[in-house]
């Protein structure tokens, strides 16, 4: 893929242009990179915060509250770590020319869906079908 060196700040992918052209790919690549950087920055802040709050609290209720907060923060960061992996996978799909196409049907994923969830790998219909199938098997 040839990287688009100039992409206007107000650029938004439009339905009337060729699907996943260089400008659209660059738009989504930049969007994914910014999102990834935000997550990594938040993770670094969490690490600093946890290191700074490692203190011995004598009151058992305060200590329990602090541990609960710490566990919640770590759970959130773990979800974000998984999200970074999905962002990396989306960036690889861009590099390999596979981005924007449903992994189940091969059809284009709508630009609105990709703009809202740039890590999407399926069309809305395929995702709903997948989730219904998952729900049925989970109940077994």
Protein backbone atom coordinates (compact mmCIF):
# COMPACT_ATOMS: atom_id res chain seq x y z
CA UNK A 1 0.00 0.00 0.00
CA UNK A 2 1.28 3.43 -0.90
CA UNK A 3 0.89 5.71 2.10
CA UNK A 4 -1.00 8.90 1.44
CA UNK A 5 1.33 11.70 2.52
CA UNK A 6 -1.41 14.32 2.60
CA UNK A 7 -4.72 13.58 4.22
CA UNK A 8 -6.86 16.61 5.11
CA UNK A 9 -7.72 16.86 8.82
CA UNK A 10 -11.42 16.96 8.00
CA UNK A 11 -11.30 13.93 5.66
CA UNK A 12 -13.99 11.29 6.24
CA UNK A 13 -14.36 8.20 4.04
CA UNK A 14 -17.39 8.50 1.77
CA UNK A 15 -19.57 5.87 0.12
CA UNK A 16 -19.17 7.56 -3.28
CA UNK A 17 -15.42 6.88 -3.53
CA UNK A 18 -13.79 3.54 -4.33
CA UNK A 19 -13.92 1.21 -1.32
CA UNK A 20 -10.65 0.98 0.62
CA UNK A 21 -8.72 3.30 -1.66
CA UNK A 22 -5.37 4.68 -0.45
CA UNK A 23 -7.01 7.65 1.31
CA UNK A 24 -9.46 5.46 3.22
CA UNK A 25 -6.73 3.02 4.21
CA UNK A 26 -4.53 5.87 5.43
CA UNK A 27 -7.47 7.37 7.33
CA UNK A 28 -8.12 4.10 9.18
CA UNK A 29 -4.40 3.43 9.70
CA UNK A 30 -3.99 6.82 11.39
CA UNK A 31 -7.16 6.33 13.44
CA UNK A 32 -5.91 2.95 14.68
CA UNK A 33 -2.45 4.31 15.51
CA UNK A 34 -3.89 7.23 17.52
CA UNK A 35 -6.20 4.85 19.41
CA UNK A 36 -3.33 2.49 20.16
CA UNK A 37 -1.14 5.34 21.44
CA UNK A 38 -3.93 6.56 23.73
CA UNK A 39 -4.28 3.07 25.22
CA UNK A 40 -0.53 2.73 25.72
CA UNK A 41 -0.37 6.16 27.40
CA UNK A 42 -3.20 5.20 29.76
CA UNK A 43 -1.41 1.95 30.56
CA UNK A 44 1.78 3.82 31.44
CA UNK A 45 -0.21 6.13 33.72
CA UNK A 46 -1.70 3.10 35.46
CA UNK A 47 1.71 1.58 36.08
CA UNK A 48 2.98 4.85 37.54
CA UNK A 49 -0.15 5.17 39.67
CA UNK A 50 0.11 1.64 41.01
CA UNK A 51 3.78 2.08 41.85
CA UNK A 52 3.05 5.35 43.62
CA UNK A 53 0.18 3.93 45.64
CA UNK A 54 2.05 0.88 46.95
CA UNK A 55 1.81 1.82 50.59
CA UNK A 56 0.86 0.05 53.75
CA UNK A 57 -2.61 1.11 54.85
CA UNK A 58 -3.25 0.11 58.48
CA UNK A 59 -7.06 0.31 58.36
CA UNK A 60 -8.41 -2.97 57.01
CA UNK A 61 -11.44 -1.35 55.35
CA UNK A 62 -9.27 1.24 53.59
CA UNK A 63 -6.86 -1.48 52.48
CA UNK A 64 -9.74 -3.59 51.09
CA UNK A 65 -11.11 -0.58 49.23
CA UNK A 66 -7.68 0.19 47.78
CA UNK A 67 -7.21 -3.43 46.68
CA UNK A 68 -10.62 -3.45 45.02
CA UNK A 69 -9.76 -0.27 43.12
CA UNK A 70 -6.43 -1.73 42.07
CA UNK A 71 -8.05 -4.98 40.86
CA UNK A 72 -10.63 -3.04 38.84
CA UNK A 73 -7.90 -0.91 37.27
CA UNK A 74 -5.85 -3.97 36.37
CA UNK A 75 -8.87 -5.68 34.83
CA UNK A 76 -9.52 -2.58 32.73
CA UNK A 77 -5.89 -2.52 31.58
CA UNK A 78 -6.06 -6.21 30.68
CA UNK A 79 -9.07 -5.53 28.44
CA UNK A 80 -7.16 -2.65 26.86
CA UNK A 81 -4.13 -4.90 26.31
CA UNK A 82 -6.38 -7.27 24.35
CA UNK A 83 -7.73 -4.28 22.44
CA UNK A 84 -4.17 -3.27 21.47
CA UNK A 85 -3.71 -6.78 20.02
CA UNK A 86 -6.86 -6.31 17.93
CA UNK A 87 -5.60 -2.91 16.76
CA UNK A 88 -2.30 -4.51 15.73
CA UNK A 89 -4.22 -7.19 13.81
CA UNK A 90 -6.23 -4.48 12.01
CA UNK A 91 -3.01 -2.66 11.09
CA UNK A 92 -1.63 -5.92 9.66
CA UNK A 93 -4.83 -6.35 7.61
CA UNK A 94 -4.30 -2.86 6.20
CA UNK A 95 -0.72 -3.77 5.23
CA UNK A 96 -1.90 -7.00 3.56
CA UNK A 97 -4.81 -5.37 1.73
CA UNK A 98 -7.44 -7.33 3.69
CA UNK A 99 -8.80 -4.47 5.80
CA UNK A 100 -12.45 -3.54 5.48
CA UNK A 101 -13.68 -6.90 4.24
CA UNK A 102 -15.72 -9.36 6.31
CA UNK A 103 -13.71 -12.40 7.36
CA UNK A 104 -16.87 -14.55 7.21
CA UNK A 105 -18.43 -13.44 3.91
CA UNK A 106 -15.73 -11.46 2.11
CA UNK A 107 -18.15 -8.56 1.64
CA UNK A 108 -17.14 -4.96 2.37
CA UNK A 109 -17.81 -3.81 5.93
CA UNK A 110 -19.76 -0.55 5.95
CA UNK A 111 -17.69 2.61 6.37
CA UNK A 112 -19.96 3.73 9.22
CA UNK A 113 -19.23 0.50 11.10
CA UNK A 114 -15.49 0.79 10.50
CA UNK A 115 -15.48 4.42 11.57
CA UNK A 116 -17.28 3.53 14.81
CA UNK A 117 -15.28 0.31 15.39
CA UNK A 118 -12.13 0.30 13.26
CA UNK A 119 -11.13 -3.16 14.54
CA UNK A 120 -14.31 -4.76 13.14
CA UNK A 121 -13.65 -7.95 11.20
CA UNK A 122 -17.22 -8.75 10.15
CA UNK A 123 -20.18 -6.98 8.64
CA UNK A 124 -22.92 -6.14 11.12
CA UNK A 125 -25.11 -8.96 9.79
CA UNK A 126 -22.31 -11.55 10.02
CA UNK A 127 -21.41 -10.36 13.53
CA UNK A 128 -25.02 -10.65 14.70
CA UNK A 129 -25.27 -14.14 13.20
CA UNK A 130 -22.00 -15.11 14.90
CA UNK A 131 -23.21 -13.79 18.27
CA UNK A 132 -26.56 -15.62 17.97
CA UNK A 133 -24.72 -18.85 17.18
CA UNK A 134 -22.37 -18.26 20.14
CA UNK A 135 -25.31 -17.65 22.48
CA UNK A 136 -27.02 -20.88 21.40
CA UNK A 137 -23.88 -22.96 21.95
CA UNK A 138 -23.11 -21.27 25.25
CA UNK A 139 -26.53 -22.31 26.61
CA UNK A 140 -25.78 -25.98 25.90
